[in-house]
C-alpha atoms as a PDB file:
ATOM      1  CA  MET A   1      -5.558  26.388  33.828  1.00  0.00           C
ATOM      2  CA  SER A   2      -2.865  24.925  31.194  1.00  0.00           C
ATOM      3  CA  ARG A   3       0.128  26.709  30.460  1.00  0.00           C
ATOM      4  CA  ARG A   4      -1.100  26.682  26.861  1.00  0.00           C
ATOM      5  CA  GLY A   5      -2.864  29.963  26.599  1.00  0.00           C
ATOM      6  CA  GLY A   6      -6.080  28.416  26.864  1.00  0.00           C
ATOM      7  CA  HIS A   7      -5.976  26.907  24.007  1.00  0.00           C
ATOM      8  CA  ILE A   8      -7.824  23.396  23.913  1.00  0.00           C
ATOM      9  CA  THR A   9      -5.811  21.601  21.814  1.00  0.00           C
ATOM     10  CA  LEU A  10      -8.307  19.289  19.399  1.00  0.00           C
ATOM     11  CA  PHE A  11      -7.484  16.698  17.043  1.00  0.00           C
ATOM     12  CA  THR A  12      -9.399  14.055  14.689  1.00  0.00           C
ATOM     13  CA  GLN A  13      -8.886  11.292  12.205  1.00  0.00           C
ATOM     14  CA  LEU A  14      -9.604  12.166   8.887  1.00  0.00           C
ATOM     15  CA  PHE A  15     -12.418  10.020   7.443  1.00  0.00           C
ATOM     16  CA  THR A  16     -11.411   8.809   4.039  1.00  0.00           C
ATOM     17  CA  ALA A  17     -14.347   6.247   3.847  1.00  0.00           C
ATOM     18  CA  PRO A  18     -16.703   7.002   0.801  1.00  0.00           C
ATOM     19  CA  GLU A  19     -20.712   7.252   1.522  1.00  0.00           C
ATOM     20  CA  THR A  20     -22.765   4.318   0.973  1.00  0.00           C
ATOM     21  CA  THR A  21     -24.604   4.636  -2.081  1.00  0.00           C
ATOM     22  CA  CYS A  22     -26.487   2.852  -4.688  1.00  0.00           C
ATOM     23  CA  GLY A  23     -25.308   5.047  -7.591  1.00  0.00           C
ATOM     24  CA  ASP A  24     -22.160   4.737 -10.044  1.00  0.00           C
ATOM     25  CA  SER A  25     -19.055   3.323  -8.184  1.00  0.00           C
ATOM     26  CA  GLN A  26     -16.737   4.709 -10.558  1.00  0.00           C
ATOM     27  CA  ALA A  27     -17.916   8.036 -10.264  1.00  0.00           C
ATOM     28  CA  ALA A  28     -18.021   7.827  -6.712  1.00  0.00           C
ATOM     29  CA  ASP A  29     -14.144   6.722  -6.730  1.00  0.00           C
ATOM     30  CA  ALA A  30     -13.262   9.343  -8.820  1.00  0.00           C
ATOM     31  CA  GLY A  31     -14.397  12.060  -6.542  1.00  0.00           C
ATOM     32  CA  ALA A  32     -12.411  10.090  -3.763  1.00  0.00           C
ATOM     33  CA  PHE A  33     -10.135  12.977  -3.141  1.00  0.00           C
ATOM     34  CA  ALA A  34     -12.340  15.935  -3.725  1.00  0.00           C
ATOM     35  CA  ARG A  35     -14.638  14.479  -0.821  1.00  0.00           C
ATOM     36  CA  VAL A  36     -11.809  13.835   1.363  1.00  0.00           C
ATOM     37  CA  LEU A  37     -10.290  17.666   1.040  1.00  0.00           C
ATOM     38  CA  ASP A  38     -13.949  18.848   1.653  1.00  0.00           C
ATOM     39  CA  ARG A  39     -13.597  17.218   4.903  1.00  0.00           C
ATOM     40  CA  ALA A  40     -10.325  18.317   5.685  1.00  0.00           C
ATOM     41  CA  ARG A  41     -11.065  21.604   5.059  1.00  0.00           C
ATOM     42  CA  ALA A  42     -14.168  21.737   7.285  1.00  0.00           C
ATOM     43  CA  ALA A  43     -11.932  20.201  10.277  1.00  0.00           C
ATOM     44  CA  GLU A  44      -9.704  23.196   9.169  1.00  0.00           C
ATOM     45  CA  ASP A  45     -12.622  25.761   9.196  1.00  0.00           C
ATOM     46  CA  ALA A  46     -13.858  24.361  12.810  1.00  0.00           C
ATOM     47  CA  GLY A  47     -10.350  25.062  14.341  1.00  0.00           C
ATOM     48  CA  ILE A  48      -9.323  21.336  14.653  1.00  0.00           C
ATOM     49  CA  ASP A  49      -5.511  21.455  15.316  1.00  0.00           C
ATOM     50  CA  ALA A  50      -4.432  18.773  13.263  1.00  0.00           C
ATOM     51  CA  LEU A  51      -5.988  15.807  11.648  1.00  0.00           C
ATOM     52  CA  LEU A  52      -4.745  12.049  11.922  1.00  0.00           C
ATOM     53  CA  LEU A  53      -4.026  10.199   8.594  1.00  0.00           C
ATOM     54  CA  HIS A  54      -4.849   6.295   9.385  1.00  0.00           C
ATOM     55  CA  ASP A  55      -2.817   3.872   7.165  1.00  0.00           C
ATOM     56  CA  ARG A  56      -3.009  -0.028   6.459  1.00  0.00           C
ATOM     57  CA  GLN A  57      -0.685  -2.128   5.285  1.00  0.00           C
ATOM     58  CA  SER A  58      -2.712  -4.847   3.848  1.00  0.00           C
ATOM     59  CA  ALA A  59      -6.101  -5.501   2.870  1.00  0.00           C
ATOM     60  CA  SER A  60      -8.577  -6.098   5.658  1.00  0.00           C
ATOM     61  CA  HIS A  61     -11.421  -8.490   5.734  1.00  0.00           C
ATOM     62  CA  ASP A  62     -13.571  -5.999   5.304  1.00  0.00           C
ATOM     63  CA  PRO A  63     -12.584  -3.648   2.642  1.00  0.00           C
ATOM     64  CA  ALA A  64     -14.839  -0.824   4.081  1.00  0.00           C
ATOM     65  CA  GLY A  65     -12.954  -0.173   6.648  1.00  0.00           C
ATOM     66  CA  ASP A  66      -9.618   0.389   4.670  1.00  0.00           C
ATOM     67  CA  PRO A  67      -8.148   3.771   4.378  1.00  0.00           C
ATOM     68  CA  SER A  68      -8.703   5.039   0.898  1.00  0.00           C
ATOM     69  CA  PHE A  69      -5.211   6.415   0.532  1.00  0.00           C
ATOM     70  CA  GLU A  70      -1.475   5.912   1.661  1.00  0.00           C
ATOM     71  CA  ALA A  71      -1.071   8.288   4.503  1.00  0.00           C
ATOM     72  CA  GLY A  72       1.979  10.177   3.449  1.00  0.00           C
ATOM     73  CA  THR A  73       0.780  10.647  -0.288  1.00  0.00           C
ATOM     74  CA  LEU A  74      -2.602  11.979   1.533  1.00  0.00           C
ATOM     75  CA  ALA A  75      -0.547  14.485   3.624  1.00  0.00           C
ATOM     76  CA  ALA A  76       1.531  15.527   0.608  1.00  0.00           C
ATOM     77  CA  ALA A  77      -2.173  16.224  -1.382  1.00  0.00           C
ATOM     78  CA  LEU A  78      -3.991  17.657   1.245  1.00  0.00           C
ATOM     79  CA  ALA A  79      -0.746  19.818   2.132  1.00  0.00           C
ATOM     80  CA  VAL A  80      -1.052  22.276  -0.822  1.00  0.00           C
ATOM     81  CA  ARG A  81      -4.702  22.311  -0.686  1.00  0.00           C
ATOM     82  CA  THR A  82      -4.841  23.598   3.541  1.00  0.00           C
ATOM     83  CA  ARG A  83      -3.863  26.063   5.059  1.00  0.00           C
ATOM     84  CA  THR A  84      -3.760  25.965   8.770  1.00  0.00           C
ATOM     85  CA  VAL A  85      -4.285  22.212   9.832  1.00  0.00           C
ATOM     86  CA  GLY A  86      -1.868  19.925  10.568  1.00  0.00           C
ATOM     87  CA  LEU A  87      -1.391  16.581   8.871  1.00  0.00           C
ATOM     88  CA  VAL A  88      -0.090  14.024  11.006  1.00  0.00           C
ATOM     89  CA  ALA A  89       0.715  10.483   8.672  1.00  0.00           C
ATOM     90  CA  ALA A  90       0.599   7.042  10.856  1.00  0.00           C
ATOM     91  CA  VAL A  91       3.712   5.276   9.816  1.00  0.00           C
ATOM     92  CA  SER A  92       4.422   1.765  10.489  1.00  0.00           C
ATOM     93  CA  THR A  93       7.994   1.332  11.860  1.00  0.00           C
ATOM     94  CA  GLU A  94       7.917  -2.427  11.152  1.00  0.00           C
ATOM     95  CA  TYR A  95       7.384  -1.987   7.208  1.00  0.00           C
ATOM     96  CA  ALA A  96       9.214   1.294   6.368  1.00  0.00           C
ATOM     97  CA  LEU A  97      12.499   2.614   6.619  1.00  0.00           C
ATOM     98  CA  PRO A  98      13.733   5.384   8.107  1.00  0.00           C
ATOM     99  CA  TYR A  99      15.772   7.526   5.258  1.00  0.00           C
ATOM    100  CA  HIS A 100      12.241   7.343   2.935  1.00  0.00           C
ATOM    101  CA  VAL A 101      10.283   8.299   5.943  1.00  0.00           C
ATOM    102  CA  ALA A 102      12.259  10.833   7.040  1.00  0.00           C
ATOM    103  CA  ARG A 103      12.709  12.440   3.253  1.00  0.00           C
ATOM    104  CA  THR A 104       9.037  12.139   2.797  1.00  0.00           C
ATOM    105  CA  LEU A 105       8.271  13.920   6.616  1.00  0.00           C
ATOM    106  CA  ALA A 106      10.747  16.777   5.531  1.00  0.00           C
ATOM    107  CA  THR A 107       9.219  17.459   2.226  1.00  0.00           C
ATOM    108  CA  ILE A 108       5.613  17.605   3.634  1.00  0.00           C
ATOM    109  CA  ASP A 109       7.248  19.997   6.278  1.00  0.00           C
ATOM    110  CA  HIS A 110       8.303  22.058   3.598  1.00  0.00           C
ATOM    111  CA  ILE A 111       5.431  22.087   1.604  1.00  0.00           C
ATOM    112  CA  THR A 112       3.165  23.323   4.461  1.00  0.00           C
ATOM    113  CA  LEU A 113       5.585  25.573   6.271  1.00  0.00           C
ATOM    114  CA  GLY A 114       5.571  22.949   9.173  1.00  0.00           C
ATOM    115  CA  ARG A 115       2.261  21.728   9.533  1.00  0.00           C
ATOM    116  CA  ALA A 116       3.550  17.835   9.204  1.00  0.00           C
ATOM    117  CA  GLY A 117       3.424  15.370  12.210  1.00  0.00           C
ATOM    118  CA  TRP A 118       4.018  11.677  12.238  1.00  0.00           C
ATOM    119  CA  GLN A 119       2.444   8.460  14.301  1.00  0.00           C
ATOM    120  CA  PRO A 120       4.488   5.627  14.654  1.00  0.00           C
ATOM    121  CA  ILE A 121       2.429   2.458  14.394  1.00  0.00           C
ATOM    122  CA  THR A 122       4.027  -0.739  16.224  1.00  0.00           C
ATOM    123  CA  THR A 123       1.544  -3.207  15.997  1.00  0.00           C
ATOM    124  CA  ALA A 124       2.082  -6.535  14.243  1.00  0.00           C
ATOM    125  CA  ASP A 125      -0.115  -7.602  11.070  1.00  0.00           C
ATOM    126  CA  PRO A 126       0.562 -10.905   9.899  1.00  0.00           C
ATOM    127  CA  ASP A 127      -0.959 -10.032   6.267  1.00  0.00           C
ATOM    128  CA  ALA A 128       1.613  -6.746   6.136  1.00  0.00           C
ATOM    129  CA  SER A 129       4.185  -9.048   7.138  1.00  0.00           C
ATOM    130  CA  ALA A 130       3.337 -11.099   4.133  1.00  0.00           C
ATOM    131  CA  ASN A 131       3.518  -8.342   2.102  1.00  0.00           C
ATOM    132  CA  TYR A 132       6.952  -7.126   3.158  1.00  0.00           C
ATOM    133  CA  SER A 133       8.948 -10.288   3.425  1.00  0.00           C
ATOM    134  CA  ARG A 134       8.893 -10.507   6.713  1.00  0.00           C
ATOM    135  CA  SER A 135       8.088 -13.525   9.271  1.00  0.00           C
ATOM    136  CA  GLY A 136       5.305 -11.631  11.589  1.00  0.00           C
ATOM    137  CA  THR A 137       6.988 -13.672  14.689  1.00  0.00           C
ATOM    138  CA  GLU A 138       8.616 -10.738  16.254  1.00  0.00           C
ATOM    139  CA  SER A 139       7.520  -9.575  19.915  1.00  0.00           C
ATOM    140  CA  ALA A 140       6.301  -7.141  21.391  1.00  0.00           C
ATOM    141  CA  ALA A 141       9.265  -5.882  23.173  1.00  0.00           C
ATOM    142  CA  ALA A 142      11.343  -6.349  19.605  1.00  0.00           C
ATOM    143  CA  ARG A 143       8.714  -4.021  17.757  1.00  0.00           C
ATOM    144  CA  ARG A 144       9.357  -1.212  20.349  1.00  0.00           C
ATOM    145  CA  ALA A 145      12.915  -1.716  20.287  1.00  0.00           C
ATOM    146  CA  ARG A 146      12.929  -1.300  16.386  1.00  0.00           C
ATOM    147  CA  ALA A 147      10.463   1.735  16.767  1.00  0.00           C
ATOM    148  CA  SER A 148      12.455   3.485  19.181  1.00  0.00           C
ATOM    149  CA  GLU A 149      15.666   3.407  16.744  1.00  0.00           C
ATOM    150  CA  PHE A 150      13.272   4.513  14.107  1.00  0.00           C
ATOM    151  CA  VAL A 151      13.050   7.441  15.931  1.00  0.00           C
ATOM    152  CA  THR A 152      16.897   8.054  16.747  1.00  0.00           C
ATOM    153  CA  VAL A 153      17.665   7.575  13.024  1.00  0.00           C
ATOM    154  CA  LEU A 154      14.712  10.095  11.880  1.00  0.00           C
ATOM    155  CA  THR A 155      15.778  12.508  14.281  1.00  0.00           C
ATOM    156  CA  GLY A 156      19.318  12.540  13.466  1.00  0.00           C
ATOM    157  CA  LEU A 157      18.628  12.881   9.614  1.00  0.00           C
ATOM    158  CA  TRP A 158      16.542  15.452   9.965  1.00  0.00           C
ATOM    159  CA  ASP A 159      19.611  17.416  11.730  1.00  0.00           C
ATOM    160  CA  SER A 160      21.869  16.806   9.001  1.00  0.00           C
ATOM    161  CA  PHE A 161      22.078  20.243   8.052  1.00  0.00           C
ATOM    162  CA  ASP A 162      22.154  22.791  10.791  1.00  0.00           C
ATOM    163  CA  ASP A 163      19.529  25.583  10.396  1.00  0.00           C
ATOM    164  CA  ASP A 164      21.693  28.055   8.888  1.00  0.00           C
ATOM    165  CA  ALA A 165      23.672  25.822   6.533  1.00  0.00           C
ATOM    166  CA  PHE A 166      22.154  27.371   3.574  1.00  0.00           C
ATOM    167  CA  ARG A 167      23.011  31.369   3.476  1.00  0.00           C
ATOM    168  CA  ARG A 168      22.140  31.501  -0.388  1.00  0.00           C
ATOM    169  CA  ASP A 169      23.760  34.549  -0.580  1.00  0.00           C
ATOM    170  CA  ARG A 170      24.011  35.981  -3.929  1.00  0.00           C
ATOM    171  CA  GLU A 171      26.604  38.936  -2.780  1.00  0.00           C
ATOM    172  CA  SER A 172      29.135  36.465  -1.419  1.00  0.00           C
ATOM    173  CA  GLY A 173      28.336  34.030  -3.451  1.00  0.00           C
ATOM    174  CA  VAL A 174      28.105  31.589  -0.591  1.00  0.00           C
ATOM    175  CA  TYR A 175      25.306  28.899  -0.963  1.00  0.00           C
ATOM    176  CA  PHE A 176      26.039  26.832   1.800  1.00  0.00           C
ATOM    177  CA  THR A 177      28.373  26.197   4.533  1.00  0.00           C
ATOM    178  CA  PRO A 178      29.882  22.729   4.369  1.00  0.00           C
ATOM    179  CA  GLU A 179      30.820  22.507   8.148  1.00  0.00           C
ATOM    180  CA  LYS A 180      27.056  22.764   8.698  1.00  0.00           C
ATOM    181  CA  LEU A 181      26.089  19.630   7.265  1.00  0.00           C
ATOM    182  CA  HIS A 182      26.488  16.468   9.294  1.00  0.00           C
ATOM    183  CA  THR A 183      26.799  12.337   8.582  1.00  0.00           C
ATOM    184  CA  LEU A 184      24.833  10.241  10.699  1.00  0.00           C
ATOM    185  CA  ASP A 185      26.868   7.388  10.605  1.00  0.00           C
ATOM    186  CA  HIS A 186      24.287   5.279  12.621  1.00  0.00           C
ATOM    187  CA  LYS A 187      24.822   1.639  13.370  1.00  0.00           C
ATOM    188  CA  GLY A 188      22.275  -0.339  15.315  1.00  0.00           C
ATOM    189  CA  GLU A 189      20.154  -3.392  16.071  1.00  0.00           C
ATOM    190  CA  CYS A 190      17.899  -3.134  13.332  1.00  0.00           C
ATOM    191  CA  PHE A 191      19.581  -0.162  11.410  1.00  0.00           C
ATOM    192  CA  ASP A 192      22.369   0.936   9.746  1.00  0.00           C
ATOM    193  CA  VAL A 193      22.170   4.434   8.159  1.00  0.00           C
ATOM    194  CA  ALA A 194      25.107   6.623   6.903  1.00  0.00           C
ATOM    195  CA  GLY A 195      23.464   9.698   6.360  1.00  0.00           C
ATOM    196  CA  PRO A 196      23.059  12.610   5.609  1.00  0.00           C
ATOM    197  CA  LEU A 197      19.715  13.291   4.360  1.00  0.00           C
ATOM    198  CA  ASN A 198      19.811  15.193   1.116  1.00  0.00           C
ATOM    199  CA  ILE A 199      17.011  17.448   2.216  1.00  0.00           C
ATOM    200  CA  ALA A 200      17.317  21.157   4.359  1.00  0.00           C
ATOM    201  CA  ARG A 201      16.350  20.808   7.979  1.00  0.00           C
ATOM    202  CA  PRO A 202      12.442  20.739   8.457  1.00  0.00           C
ATOM    203  CA  PRO A 203      10.735  23.764   9.440  1.00  0.00           C
ATOM    204  CA  GLN A 204       9.721  22.427  12.351  1.00  0.00           C
ATOM    205  CA  GLY A 205      13.280  20.940  12.990  1.00  0.00           C
ATOM    206  CA  HIS A 206      11.425  17.590  13.921  1.00  0.00           C
ATOM    207  CA  PRO A 207       7.863  17.360  12.625  1.00  0.00           C
ATOM    208  CA  PRO A 208       6.115  16.352  15.886  1.00  0.00           C
ATOM    209  CA  LEU A 209       5.990  12.424  17.343  1.00  0.00           C
ATOM    210  CA  VAL A 210       2.610  11.812  18.198  1.00  0.00           C
ATOM    211  CA  HIS A 211       2.434   8.513  19.919  1.00  0.00           C
ATOM    212  CA  ARG A 212      -0.877   6.614  21.448  1.00  0.00           C
ATOM    213  CA  ALA A 213       0.163   4.912  24.878  1.00  0.00           C
ATOM    214  CA  ALA A 214      -2.419   1.957  25.108  1.00  0.00           C
ATOM    215  CA  ASP A 215      -0.194   0.082  28.313  1.00  0.00           C
ATOM    216  CA  GLY A 216       2.423   0.928  30.191  1.00  0.00           C
ATOM    217  CA  ASP A 217       5.141  -0.214  27.929  1.00  0.00           C
ATOM    218  CA  ASP A 218       3.931   2.231  25.443  1.00  0.00           C
ATOM    219  CA  PHE A 219       4.631   5.119  27.858  1.00  0.00           C
ATOM    220  CA  ALA A 220       8.261   4.502  28.038  1.00  0.00           C
ATOM    221  CA  LEU A 221       8.709   5.475  24.114  1.00  0.00           C
ATOM    222  CA  ALA A 222       5.980   8.092  24.924  1.00  0.00           C
ATOM    223  CA  ALA A 223       8.287   9.680  27.589  1.00  0.00           C
ATOM    224  CA  ARG A 224      11.432   9.456  25.754  1.00  0.00           C
ATOM    225  CA  ALA A 225      10.356  10.692  22.516  1.00  0.00           C
ATOM    226  CA  ALA A 226       6.874  11.825  21.918  1.00  0.00           C
ATOM    227  CA  ASP A 227       5.692  15.371  21.531  1.00  0.00           C
ATOM    228  CA  VAL A 228       2.099  14.418  21.868  1.00  0.00           C
ATOM    229  CA  VAL A 229       0.493  11.428  23.918  1.00  0.00           C
ATOM    230  CA  LEU A 230      -2.693  10.457  22.774  1.00  0.00           C
ATOM    231  CA  LEU A 231      -4.362   8.412  26.017  1.00  0.00           C
ATOM    232  CA  PRO A 232      -7.610   6.231  25.517  1.00  0.00           C
ATOM    233  CA  ALA A 233     -10.505   6.772  27.206  1.00  0.00           C
ATOM    234  CA  ARG A 234     -10.863   4.033  30.112  1.00  0.00           C
ATOM    235  CA  ASN A 235     -13.682   3.704  31.933  1.00  0.00           C
ATOM    236  CA  GLY A 236     -12.802   3.849  35.722  1.00  0.00           C
ATOM    237  CA  GLN A 237      -9.411   5.502  35.286  1.00  0.00           C
ATOM    238  CA  ASP A 238      -8.876   8.738  36.815  1.00  0.00           C
ATOM    239  CA  PRO A 239      -7.477  10.676  33.735  1.00  0.00           C
ATOM    240  CA  VAL A 240      -5.940  13.477  36.054  1.00  0.00           C
ATOM    241  CA  LEU A 241      -3.878  10.890  37.618  1.00  0.00           C
ATOM    242  CA  LEU A 242      -3.339   9.178  34.026  1.00  0.00           C
ATOM    243  CA  ARG A 243      -2.088  12.438  32.603  1.00  0.00           C
ATOM    244  CA  GLU A 244       0.276  12.966  35.870  1.00  0.00           C
ATOM    245  CA  SER A 245       1.629   9.257  35.156  1.00  0.00           C
ATOM    246  CA  VAL A 246       2.859  10.663  31.745  1.00  0.00           C
ATOM    247  CA  ARG A 247       4.233  13.634  32.875  1.00  0.00           C
ATOM    248  CA  ASP A 248       6.079  11.875  35.718  1.00  0.00           C
ATOM    249  CA  GLN A 249       7.655   9.399  33.325  1.00  0.00           C
ATOM    250  CA  VAL A 250       8.539  12.366  30.707  1.00  0.00           C
ATOM    251  CA  ARG A 251      10.184  13.870  33.644  1.00  0.00           C
ATOM    252  CA  ALA A 252      12.053  10.761  34.762  1.00  0.00           C
ATOM    253  CA  ALA A 253      13.271  10.707  31.221  1.00  0.00           C
ATOM    254  CA  GLY A 254      14.895  13.769  31.408  1.00  0.00           C
ATOM    255  CA  ARG A 255      12.727  15.981  29.645  1.00  0.00           C
ATOM    256  CA  ASP A 256      10.291  18.804  30.726  1.00  0.00           C
ATOM    257  CA  PRO A 257       6.738  17.572  31.105  1.00  0.00           C
ATOM    258  CA  ASP A 258       5.505  21.039  29.334  1.00  0.00           C
ATOM    259  CA  ASP A 259       7.041  19.965  26.229  1.00  0.00           C
ATOM    260  CA  VAL A 260       4.873  17.395  26.002  1.00  0.00           C
ATOM    261  CA  ALA A 261       1.176  17.585  25.150  1.00  0.00           C
ATOM    262  CA  VAL A 262      -1.314  15.366  26.273  1.00  0.00           C
ATOM    263  CA  LEU A 263      -4.876  14.423  24.441  1.00  0.00           C
ATOM    264  CA  LEU A 264      -7.257  12.314  26.008  1.00  0.00           C
ATOM    265  CA  ASP A 265     -10.052  10.698  23.874  1.00  0.00           C
ATOM    266  CA  TRP A 266     -13.064  11.865  23.911  1.00  0.00           C
ATOM    267  CA  PRO A 267     -16.138   9.815  22.416  1.00  0.00           C
ATOM    268  CA  VAL A 268     -18.227  12.428  20.415  1.00  0.00           C
ATOM    269  CA  ASP A 269     -21.838  11.399  21.302  1.00  0.00           C
ATOM    270  CA  GLY A 270     -23.918  14.637  20.235  1.00  0.00           C
ATOM    271  CA  SER A 271     -24.799  15.741  23.710  1.00  0.00           C
ATOM    272  CA  ALA A 272     -25.529  19.559  23.941  1.00  0.00           C
ATOM    273  CA  ASP A 273     -23.167  20.422  26.790  1.00  0.00           C
ATOM    274  CA  ALA A 274     -20.070  18.455  25.436  1.00  0.00           C
ATOM    275  CA  ALA A 275     -18.089  21.578  24.505  1.00  0.00           C
ATOM    276  CA  GLY A 276     -18.612  23.130  27.872  1.00  0.00           C
ATOM    277  CA  ARG A 277     -17.538  20.007  29.439  1.00  0.00           C
ATOM    278  CA  LEU A 278     -14.645  19.574  27.497  1.00  0.00           C
ATOM    279  CA  ARG A 279     -13.511  23.130  28.548  1.00  0.00           C
ATOM    280  CA  GLU A 280     -14.300  22.142  32.311  1.00  0.00           C
ATOM    281  CA  LEU A 281     -11.994  19.253  32.059  1.00  0.00           C
ATOM    282  CA  PHE A 282      -9.214  21.312  30.126  1.00  0.00           C
ATOM    283  CA  ASP A 283      -9.588  24.083  33.183  1.00  0.00           C
ATOM    284  CA  ALA A 284      -9.272  21.677  35.725  1.00  0.00           C
ATOM    285  CA  GLY A 285      -5.620  20.291  34.375  1.00  0.00           C
ATOM    286  CA  VAL A 286      -7.091  16.736  33.057  1.00  0.00           C
ATOM    287  CA  ALA A 287      -5.370  17.234  29.535  1.00  0.00           C
ATOM    288  CA  ASP A 288      -3.982  19.307  27.061  1.00  0.00           C
ATOM    289  CA  GLY A 289      -6.864  18.905  24.553  1.00  0.00           C
ATOM    290  CA  PHE A 290      -8.655  16.076  23.351  1.00  0.00           C
ATOM    291  CA  THR A 291      -8.955  13.257  20.216  1.00  0.00           C
ATOM    292  CA  LEU A 292     -12.481  13.745  19.121  1.00  0.00           C
ATOM    293  CA  LEU A 293     -13.495  10.175  18.357  1.00  0.00           C
ATOM    294  CA  ALA A 294     -16.617  10.080  15.790  1.00  0.00           C
ATOM    295  CA  PRO A 295     -19.549   8.119  16.513  1.00  0.00           C
ATOM    296  CA  ASP A 296     -20.647   4.894  14.586  1.00  0.00           C
ATOM    297  CA  GLY A 297     -22.272   5.040  11.763  1.00  0.00           C
ATOM    298  CA  ALA A 298     -22.268   6.387   8.002  1.00  0.00           C
ATOM    299  CA  ALA A 299     -19.026   8.374   7.728  1.00  0.00           C
ATOM    300  CA  GLY A 300     -20.439  11.823   6.443  1.00  0.00           C
ATOM    301  CA  THR A 301     -22.724  11.994   9.322  1.00  0.00           C
ATOM    302  CA  ALA A 302     -20.089  10.797  11.638  1.00  0.00           C
ATOM    303  CA  HIS A 303     -17.545  13.451  10.114  1.00  0.00           C
ATOM    304  CA  GLU A 304     -20.596  16.070  10.712  1.00  0.00           C
ATOM    305  CA  ALA A 305     -21.107  15.095  14.441  1.00  0.00           C
ATOM    306  CA  VAL A 306     -17.086  15.861  15.321  1.00  0.00           C
ATOM    307  CA  ILE A 307     -17.175  19.286  13.006  1.00  0.00           C
ATOM    308  CA  ALA A 308     -20.261  20.412  14.971  1.00  0.00           C
ATOM    309  CA  LEU A 309     -18.445  19.725  18.708  1.00  0.00           C
ATOM    310  CA  ALA A 310     -14.858  21.023  17.384  1.00  0.00           C
ATOM    311  CA  ALA A 311     -16.924  24.224  16.263  1.00  0.00           C
ATOM    312  CA  ALA A 312     -18.549  24.242  19.776  1.00  0.00           C
ATOM    313  CA  VAL A 313     -15.248  24.450  21.556  1.00  0.00           C
ATOM    314  CA  ARG A 314     -13.820  27.092  19.598  1.00  0.00           C
ATOM    315  CA  ALA A 315     -17.232  29.225  20.179  1.00  0.00           C
ATOM    316  CA  ASP A 316     -17.037  28.585  23.843  1.00  0.00           C
ATOM    317  CA  GLY A 317     -13.208  29.478  24.188  1.00  0.00           C
ATOM    318  CA  PRO A 318     -11.108  32.632  24.289  1.00  0.00           C
ATOM    319  CA  ALA A 319     -10.763  34.535  20.765  1.00  0.00           C
ATOM    320  CA  GLU A 320      -7.054  33.351  20.860  1.00  0.00           C
ATOM    321  CA  GLN A 321      -8.395  29.813  20.056  1.00  0.00           C
ATOM    322  CA  ALA A 322      -8.589  31.038  16.837  1.00  0.00           C
ATOM    323  CA  ALA A 323      -6.874  29.150  14.060  1.00  0.00           C
ATOM    324  CA  GLN A 324      -3.546  31.378  13.465  1.00  0.00           C
ATOM    325  CA  GLY A 325      -2.473  31.570   9.631  1.00  0.00           C
ATOM    326  CA  GLY A 326       1.018  30.855   9.082  1.00  0.00           C
ATOM    327  CA  ALA A 327       1.811  29.054  12.557  1.00  0.00           C
ATOM    328  CA  THR A 328       3.351  25.615  12.535  1.00  0.00           C
ATOM    329  CA  LEU A 329       2.075  22.936  14.139  1.00  0.00           C
ATOM    330  CA  ARG A 330       4.480  22.962  17.204  1.00  0.00           C
ATOM    331  CA  ASP A 331       3.526  26.805  17.375  1.00  0.00           C
ATOM    332  CA  ARG A 332      -0.200  25.860  17.697  1.00  0.00           C
ATOM    333  CA  LEU A 333       0.273  23.402  20.383  1.00  0.00           C
ATOM    334  CA  SER A 334       2.656  25.116  22.209  1.00  0.00           C
ATOM    335  CA  LEU A 335       5.495  22.875  21.709  1.00  0.00           C
ATOM    336  CA  PRO A 336       9.544  23.955  21.412  1.00  0.00           C
ATOM    337  CA  ARG A 337      11.135  23.925  18.043  1.00  0.00           C
ATOM    338  CA  PRO A 338      14.125  21.646  18.610  1.00  0.00           C
ATOM    339  CA  THR A 339      17.741  22.595  18.160  1.00  0.00           C
ATOM    340  CA  GLY A 340      19.891  20.489  16.020  1.00  0.00           C
ATOM    341  CA  ARG A 341      22.087  18.167  17.580  1.00  0.00           C
ATOM    342  CA  TYR A 342      25.354  19.197  15.717  1.00  0.00           C
ATOM    343  CA  GLN A 343      24.279  23.152  15.422  1.00  0.00           C
ATOM    344  CA  THR A 344      27.589  25.145  15.157  1.00  0.00           C
ATOM    345  CA  VAL A 345      28.158  28.766  15.902  1.00  0.00           C
END
């Protein structure tokens, strides 16, 4: 049995694509956010712990496959219209700058009282490179090195203020303690960032980093910095051994493997025994939870299939699996809140 109190963590990607329609396209576009919000709320009501907000930095050859909204802006919009579900925004570490991302995610975390997360995207996209004055010739190793430094800068900026820096004490007249504000002064291979961030430390300390580990090189970044590791569904590969491999690498990186949640991809196919099967795998220690992958087909139908399975998993589990209003995403995932690196007494 997982140490996570019997709670099966469930993630899924939020569908932003419109339904195929022969009606008025302008009317359909006008209702785009309302449609996405309805899907987010349905996922929240079904007990989904966090929504993965996809993003893309260029137009694809099939525009129907493009996300309808920029991930950070969408997360901010959903922040004020949802209550408990985590909002994990995709961030391209190739085309974004750490200071901007740190401010955006810290803001979302404050708005949601601790429900923000982020997923670094390191893949190459020649079309996106052309949009950002980049050559697009960087090697996979260089992209991963940039992503690793990106994480270092982000977490350093989030630690600019100690948790108790802002006293806001009317009686004493003390608003904040200057000694609890820290500059970063980072100088690295990819980024020179002075800091400090001009936003108070996020409620979660660091919004959780969600990383998809597609190969051995990805495991290195996951082991060093990830809070949640997403593992692809692979035929013929023992998921128990795969999870233990992740935990071993986390341990080798000097971290407690129980501080990292490992989620296994689960293709949703409508099978009647799926919820029971997920419970069996969870209880056997195969994973701390699952990323529910929607089936092919119309967006609305695929979304409904995911929601049905999530609701069945929650109905099949202990009462404590019910969504806890007010809990941070880290609380829901049983992940520790990191202490600020400069924290003073």
